């Protein structure tokens, strides 16, 4: 870990913290919520020993990267714009791309907007869902999973932050990272969102107190608003991306998900993956891997296995 180099770079009007290690073809890693570059520590070290340059930023609003105050500054166009600017600053024409959770959503958008920048994509947990021409994302979630669905509950500024502040930041981190409930998280509107967080969480063997403390130290300083704003900007992203309605992901793709991942158990997702829907929208989808007994944070739960999956795919190009 001490060999990982950290720097602050100016990209797209903000200061971005970037971690990297290794030399060779570049692999760009995109983290999810509530995470940081640190979520990719195992894969970065692994690929750096295989002749790759592993790069993992704290995305806009997270960690040591700047967090603009306005919700409207967190659309997928802003985030992808940051990453295109990052490649320019680093002098990179193309990269291999790896995403997880919100990082997976951003990775799909990156490939949609700028396929010329991507050699190949290894995406995890969150499938590509093409833009619905008539229904905004939050409206769709309310119809499918109800007003209590966590993304719907996150929409009102301040409410989720209050719930997150009702317990120690370390408990928030532990509750998210250690969850193995495959059901979509729903908290009825008449119940406190703070019920998401347990006062006492037994850490899984793949997560240490040191890991938790790293995450907590950053979120203690920044709060969670930056990450929550990604959810709050979803409808605005939908409005701004009408030009890509019906567009396909046209880069080589490997998709990986755990069979205990809550995203795998969202309505209709399994059928979409395994009955040709994903392949229709991602025509260069080459592999789908379902990791048995693995939950949402697969990059940390099964670090060696996921690292090998990534390497074995990108090494073909």
Protein backbone atom coordinates (compact mmCIF):
# COMPACT_ATOMS: atom_id res chain seq x y z
CA UNK A 1 0.00 0.00 0.00
CA UNK A 2 2.85 2.36 0.75
CA UNK A 3 3.95 2.13 -2.88
CA UNK A 4 0.69 3.69 -4.07
CA UNK A 5 1.31 7.28 -5.15
CA UNK A 6 -1.21 10.01 -4.37
CA UNK A 7 -1.62 13.34 -6.11
CA UNK A 8 -4.07 16.19 -6.48
CA UNK A 9 -4.91 17.14 -10.06
CA UNK A 10 -6.99 19.92 -11.60
CA UNK A 11 -9.71 18.41 -13.78
CA UNK A 12 -12.87 19.94 -15.20
CA UNK A 13 -12.86 22.85 -12.75
CA UNK A 14 -12.30 20.81 -9.57
CA UNK A 15 -9.35 19.37 -7.64
CA UNK A 16 -9.31 15.59 -7.80
CA UNK A 17 -7.41 13.17 -5.59
CA UNK A 18 -5.93 10.31 -7.60
CA UNK A 19 -4.13 7.18 -6.39
CA UNK A 20 -1.99 5.14 -8.74
CA UNK A 21 0.64 2.44 -8.91
CA UNK A 22 2.51 0.57 -11.62
CA UNK A 23 3.64 1.10 -15.19
CA UNK A 24 2.18 -0.08 -18.47
CA UNK A 25 -1.30 0.06 -20.05
CA UNK A 26 -3.60 2.12 -17.83
CA UNK A 27 -6.56 0.69 -15.92
CA UNK A 28 -8.99 3.23 -14.47
CA UNK A 29 -11.03 2.10 -11.45
CA UNK A 30 -14.30 3.80 -10.44
CA UNK A 31 -15.67 3.31 -6.93
CA UNK A 32 -19.25 3.35 -5.65
CA UNK A 33 -21.23 4.57 -2.61
CA UNK A 34 -20.25 5.00 0.17
CA UNK A 35 -16.70 4.29 -0.91
CA UNK A 36 -13.40 5.79 -2.04
CA UNK A 37 -10.43 4.94 -4.27
CA UNK A 38 -9.45 2.65 -1.36
CA UNK A 39 -12.07 0.07 -2.37
CA UNK A 40 -9.79 -0.89 -5.27
CA UNK A 41 -6.59 -1.26 -3.22
CA UNK A 42 -6.34 -5.02 -3.78
CA UNK A 43 -6.93 -4.86 -7.53
CA UNK A 44 -4.48 -1.96 -7.92
CA UNK A 45 -1.69 -3.86 -6.23
CA UNK A 46 -2.47 -7.04 -8.16
CA UNK A 47 -2.54 -5.43 -11.61
CA UNK A 48 0.56 -3.35 -10.92
CA UNK A 49 2.49 -6.62 -10.53
CA UNK A 50 1.11 -7.80 -13.89
CA UNK A 51 2.49 -4.88 -15.90
CA UNK A 52 -0.41 -2.41 -15.67
CA UNK A 53 -0.73 1.16 -14.45
CA UNK A 54 -3.61 1.14 -11.96
CA UNK A 55 -5.37 4.47 -11.41
CA UNK A 56 -8.18 5.09 -8.93
CA UNK A 57 -9.59 8.55 -8.18
CA UNK A 58 -11.85 9.68 -5.40
CA UNK A 59 -14.80 10.66 -7.59
CA UNK A 60 -16.35 14.14 -7.43
CA UNK A 61 -17.82 14.72 -3.97
CA UNK A 62 -15.84 11.95 -2.26
CA UNK A 63 -12.78 11.78 -0.04
CA UNK A 64 -10.05 14.26 -0.87
CA UNK A 65 -11.62 15.30 -4.18
CA UNK A 66 -13.51 18.57 -4.27
CA UNK A 67 -17.27 18.52 -3.60
CA UNK A 68 -19.22 21.26 -5.40
CA UNK A 69 -22.18 22.39 -3.26
CA UNK A 70 -24.97 22.20 -5.84
CA UNK A 71 -26.89 18.99 -6.57
CA UNK A 72 -26.92 20.02 -10.22
CA UNK A 73 -23.13 19.56 -10.35
CA UNK A 74 -23.42 15.77 -9.99
CA UNK A 75 -24.93 14.58 -13.26
CA UNK A 76 -23.32 11.74 -15.17
CA UNK A 77 -22.11 14.35 -17.67
CA UNK A 78 -20.17 16.11 -14.91
CA UNK A 79 -18.64 12.89 -13.60
CA UNK A 80 -17.67 11.56 -17.03
CA UNK A 81 -16.36 15.04 -17.86
CA UNK A 82 -14.08 14.82 -14.82
CA UNK A 83 -12.73 11.48 -16.03
CA UNK A 84 -12.13 12.59 -19.61
CA UNK A 85 -10.24 15.58 -18.22
CA UNK A 86 -8.29 13.24 -15.91
CA UNK A 87 -7.14 11.15 -18.87
CA UNK A 88 -6.05 14.32 -20.65
CA UNK A 89 -4.05 15.51 -17.62
CA UNK A 90 -2.39 12.09 -17.35
CA UNK A 91 -1.61 12.05 -21.07
CA UNK A 92 -3.70 8.94 -21.72
CA UNK A 93 -5.50 8.40 -25.02
CA UNK A 94 -7.30 5.24 -23.88
CA UNK A 95 -7.74 3.13 -20.76
CA UNK A 96 -9.18 -0.14 -19.60
CA UNK A 97 -12.15 0.73 -17.38
CA UNK A 98 -13.37 -1.05 -14.24
CA UNK A 99 -16.46 0.04 -12.27
CA UNK A 100 -18.54 -0.99 -9.28
CA UNK A 101 -21.88 0.26 -7.90
CA UNK A 102 -22.15 3.99 -8.80
CA UNK A 103 -18.78 3.59 -10.46
CA UNK A 104 -20.42 0.99 -12.71
CA UNK A 105 -23.17 3.43 -13.66
CA UNK A 106 -20.56 6.05 -14.46
CA UNK A 107 -18.53 3.48 -16.41
CA UNK A 108 -21.53 2.62 -18.59
CA UNK A 109 -22.06 6.34 -19.24
CA UNK A 110 -18.36 6.85 -20.01
CA UNK A 111 -18.55 4.10 -22.64
CA UNK A 112 -21.79 5.53 -24.01
CA UNK A 113 -20.45 9.09 -24.33
CA UNK A 114 -16.80 8.44 -25.24
CA UNK A 115 -16.21 4.88 -26.47
CA UNK A 116 -13.08 6.14 -28.22
CA UNK A 117 -11.45 6.46 -24.78
CA UNK A 118 -12.13 2.89 -23.63
CA UNK A 119 -10.18 -0.20 -24.72
CA UNK A 120 -12.46 -2.55 -22.79
CA UNK A 121 -14.74 -2.50 -19.74
CA UNK A 122 -14.98 -4.83 -16.76
CA UNK A 123 -18.12 -3.77 -14.94
CA UNK A 124 -19.51 -5.17 -11.72
CA UNK A 125 -22.79 -5.32 -9.82
CA UNK A 126 -24.90 -2.80 -11.76
CA UNK A 127 -26.18 -3.71 -15.23
CA UNK A 128 -26.55 -1.26 -18.09
CA UNK A 129 -30.12 -0.04 -18.26
CA UNK A 130 -30.90 1.99 -21.39
CA UNK A 131 -32.56 5.34 -20.88
CA UNK A 132 -36.34 5.07 -20.78
CA UNK A 133 -37.73 7.62 -23.26
CA UNK A 134 -40.70 8.61 -21.08
CA UNK A 135 -40.13 7.67 -17.44
CA UNK A 136 -37.64 9.45 -15.18
CA UNK A 137 -35.53 7.18 -12.96
CA UNK A 138 -37.04 8.16 -9.60
CA UNK A 139 -40.57 7.82 -10.98
CA UNK A 140 -39.63 4.36 -12.21
CA UNK A 141 -38.17 3.32 -8.85
CA UNK A 142 -41.27 4.55 -7.01
CA UNK A 143 -43.50 2.54 -9.33
CA UNK A 144 -41.40 -0.61 -9.09
CA UNK A 145 -40.23 -0.62 -5.46
CA UNK A 146 -42.30 2.00 -3.66
CA UNK A 147 -41.62 5.31 -1.94
CA UNK A 148 -39.63 3.54 0.76
CA UNK A 149 -36.93 2.35 -1.66
CA UNK A 150 -33.65 3.78 -0.39
CA UNK A 151 -32.92 5.79 -3.58
CA UNK A 152 -36.32 7.47 -3.24
CA UNK A 153 -35.68 8.16 0.45
CA UNK A 154 -32.32 9.76 -0.43
CA UNK A 155 -33.92 12.42 -2.66
CA UNK A 156 -34.71 15.14 -0.11
CA UNK A 157 -31.53 17.06 0.82
CA UNK A 158 -30.68 16.82 4.50
CA UNK A 159 -32.91 13.89 5.47
CA UNK A 160 -30.47 11.11 4.67
CA UNK A 161 -27.62 13.19 6.09
CA UNK A 162 -29.51 13.44 9.39
CA UNK A 163 -29.95 9.66 9.47
CA UNK A 164 -26.30 9.09 8.65
CA UNK A 165 -25.30 11.47 11.46
CA UNK A 166 -27.46 9.60 14.00
CA UNK A 167 -24.70 7.06 14.59
CA UNK A 168 -20.92 6.84 14.39
CA UNK A 169 -19.56 7.14 10.87
CA UNK A 170 -17.77 3.85 11.39
CA UNK A 171 -21.18 2.18 11.98
CA UNK A 172 -22.48 3.61 8.71
CA UNK A 173 -19.47 2.20 6.87
CA UNK A 174 -19.71 -1.18 8.60
CA UNK A 175 -23.47 -1.43 7.97
CA UNK A 176 -23.10 -0.77 4.25
CA UNK A 177 -20.00 -2.82 3.53
CA UNK A 178 -20.99 -5.88 5.56
CA UNK A 179 -24.60 -6.21 4.40
CA UNK A 180 -25.56 -9.51 2.84
CA UNK A 181 -29.29 -8.94 2.53
CA UNK A 182 -30.11 -9.57 -1.14
CA UNK A 183 -33.43 -7.72 -0.92
CA UNK A 184 -33.66 -4.18 -2.32
CA UNK A 185 -33.29 -1.83 0.69
CA UNK A 186 -36.64 -0.29 1.60
CA UNK A 187 -37.44 1.84 4.65
CA UNK A 188 -41.12 2.81 4.91
CA UNK A 189 -41.61 6.55 4.85
CA UNK A 190 -43.00 6.58 8.39
CA UNK A 191 -39.80 4.97 9.70
CA UNK A 192 -36.47 6.61 10.51
CA UNK A 193 -33.76 5.99 7.88
CA UNK A 194 -31.34 5.61 10.78
CA UNK A 195 -32.74 2.09 11.18
CA UNK A 196 -30.45 1.13 8.28
CA UNK A 197 -27.50 1.30 10.64
CA UNK A 198 -26.75 -1.17 13.39
CA UNK A 199 -25.00 -0.12 16.60
CA UNK A 200 -23.02 -3.34 16.64
CA UNK A 201 -21.76 -4.95 13.46
CA UNK A 202 -19.54 -8.02 13.28
CA UNK A 203 -16.98 -7.40 10.59
CA UNK A 204 -16.60 -10.02 7.88
CA UNK A 205 -13.10 -11.53 7.64
CA UNK A 206 -12.27 -9.50 4.54
CA UNK A 207 -12.88 -6.13 6.23
CA UNK A 208 -10.61 -4.88 9.04
CA UNK A 209 -11.02 -2.13 11.60
CA UNK A 210 -8.16 -0.38 9.82
CA UNK A 211 -10.17 -0.43 6.57
CA UNK A 212 -13.27 0.91 8.32
CA UNK A 213 -11.24 3.64 10.02
CA UNK A 214 -9.83 4.80 6.68
CA UNK A 215 -13.30 5.23 5.19
CA UNK A 216 -14.67 6.77 8.39
CA UNK A 217 -11.82 9.28 8.66
CA UNK A 218 -12.66 10.66 5.22
CA UNK A 219 -16.45 10.68 5.64
CA UNK A 220 -16.10 12.22 9.11
CA UNK A 221 -14.45 15.17 7.39
CA UNK A 222 -16.64 15.45 4.27
CA UNK A 223 -19.97 14.00 5.30
CA UNK A 224 -22.01 11.98 2.79
CA UNK A 225 -23.71 14.76 0.83
CA UNK A 226 -21.37 14.50 -2.17
CA UNK A 227 -22.19 10.84 -2.70
CA UNK A 228 -25.89 11.33 -1.99
CA UNK A 229 -26.01 14.03 -4.64
CA UNK A 230 -25.38 11.40 -7.32
CA UNK A 231 -28.79 9.93 -6.44
CA UNK A 232 -30.39 13.38 -6.32
CA UNK A 233 -29.10 14.25 -9.79
CA UNK A 234 -30.46 11.10 -11.44
CA UNK A 235 -33.52 12.76 -12.92
CA UNK A 236 -31.44 15.71 -14.17
CA UNK A 237 -29.03 13.25 -15.78
CA UNK A 238 -32.01 11.63 -17.48
CA UNK A 239 -33.13 15.00 -18.84
CA UNK A 240 -29.68 15.88 -20.15
CA UNK A 241 -28.98 12.54 -21.86
CA UNK A 242 -31.99 12.37 -24.18
CA UNK A 243 -29.63 12.39 -27.16
CA UNK A 244 -28.40 8.91 -26.16
CA UNK A 245 -31.85 7.30 -26.01
CA UNK A 246 -31.56 3.94 -27.76
CA UNK A 247 -27.76 4.04 -27.92
CA UNK A 248 -25.80 0.86 -27.22
CA UNK A 249 -22.59 0.22 -25.29
CA UNK A 250 -20.15 -0.54 -28.08
CA UNK A 251 -16.92 -1.54 -26.35
CA UNK A 252 -15.79 -5.05 -25.29
CA UNK A 253 -17.36 -5.87 -21.91
CA UNK A 254 -17.10 -8.42 -19.14
CA UNK A 255 -19.83 -8.19 -16.50
CA UNK A 256 -19.45 -9.66 -12.99
CA UNK A 257 -22.00 -9.86 -10.17
CA UNK A 258 -22.35 -11.83 -6.93
CA UNK A 259 -25.37 -14.07 -6.58
CA UNK A 260 -26.05 -12.49 -3.17
CA UNK A 261 -25.73 -8.94 -4.51
CA UNK A 262 -28.87 -6.90 -3.88
CA UNK A 263 -28.60 -5.46 -7.42
CA UNK A 264 -28.85 -8.99 -8.84
CA UNK A 265 -32.18 -9.37 -7.02
CA UNK A 266 -33.79 -6.17 -8.29
CA UNK A 267 -36.99 -6.91 -10.21
CA UNK A 268 -36.37 -8.46 -13.64
CA UNK A 269 -32.57 -8.09 -13.48
CA UNK A 270 -31.70 -11.81 -13.54
CA UNK A 271 -33.91 -12.39 -16.56
CA UNK A 272 -32.48 -9.30 -18.27
CA UNK A 273 -28.93 -10.61 -17.79
CA UNK A 274 -29.51 -14.23 -18.69
CA UNK A 275 -32.21 -14.01 -21.38
CA UNK A 276 -30.46 -11.74 -23.82
CA UNK A 277 -31.59 -8.27 -22.75
CA UNK A 278 -28.17 -7.13 -21.58
CA UNK A 279 -26.48 -8.58 -24.66
CA UNK A 280 -28.94 -6.70 -26.89
CA UNK A 281 -27.96 -3.38 -25.34
CA UNK A 282 -24.29 -4.29 -24.92
CA UNK A 283 -23.58 -6.10 -28.21
CA UNK A 284 -19.88 -6.64 -27.46
CA UNK A 285 -20.61 -8.30 -24.11
CA UNK A 286 -18.14 -11.19 -24.10
CA UNK A 287 -18.52 -12.69 -20.63
CA UNK A 288 -20.99 -12.73 -17.74
CA UNK A 289 -19.74 -14.09 -14.42
CA UNK A 290 -22.02 -14.76 -11.45
CA UNK A 291 -19.85 -15.29 -8.36
CA UNK A 292 -21.41 -17.85 -6.04
CA UNK A 293 -21.99 -16.84 -2.43
CA UNK A 294 -20.71 -13.30 -3.01
CA UNK A 295 -22.56 -10.12 -2.02
CA UNK A 296 -22.40 -6.52 -3.25
CA UNK A 297 -18.87 -5.41 -2.36
CA UNK A 298 -17.22 -8.15 -4.37
CA UNK A 299 -14.00 -6.21 -5.02
CA UNK A 300 -13.28 -6.37 -1.29
CA UNK A 301 -15.00 -9.65 -0.38
CA UNK A 302 -13.21 -11.67 -3.07
CA UNK A 303 -10.23 -9.47 -4.00
CA UNK A 304 -7.96 -12.10 -5.53
CA UNK A 305 -10.73 -13.74 -7.54
CA UNK A 306 -11.98 -10.44 -8.92
CA UNK A 307 -8.45 -9.28 -9.69
CA UNK A 308 -7.90 -12.40 -11.77
CA UNK A 309 -11.21 -11.92 -13.58
CA UNK A 310 -10.13 -8.39 -14.51
CA UNK A 311 -6.63 -9.41 -15.57
CA UNK A 312 -7.75 -12.40 -17.62
CA UNK A 313 -10.10 -10.18 -19.63
CA UNK A 314 -7.96 -7.12 -20.26
CA UNK A 315 -4.89 -9.25 -21.02
CA UNK A 316 -6.59 -10.35 -24.26
CA UNK A 317 -6.37 -6.87 -25.77
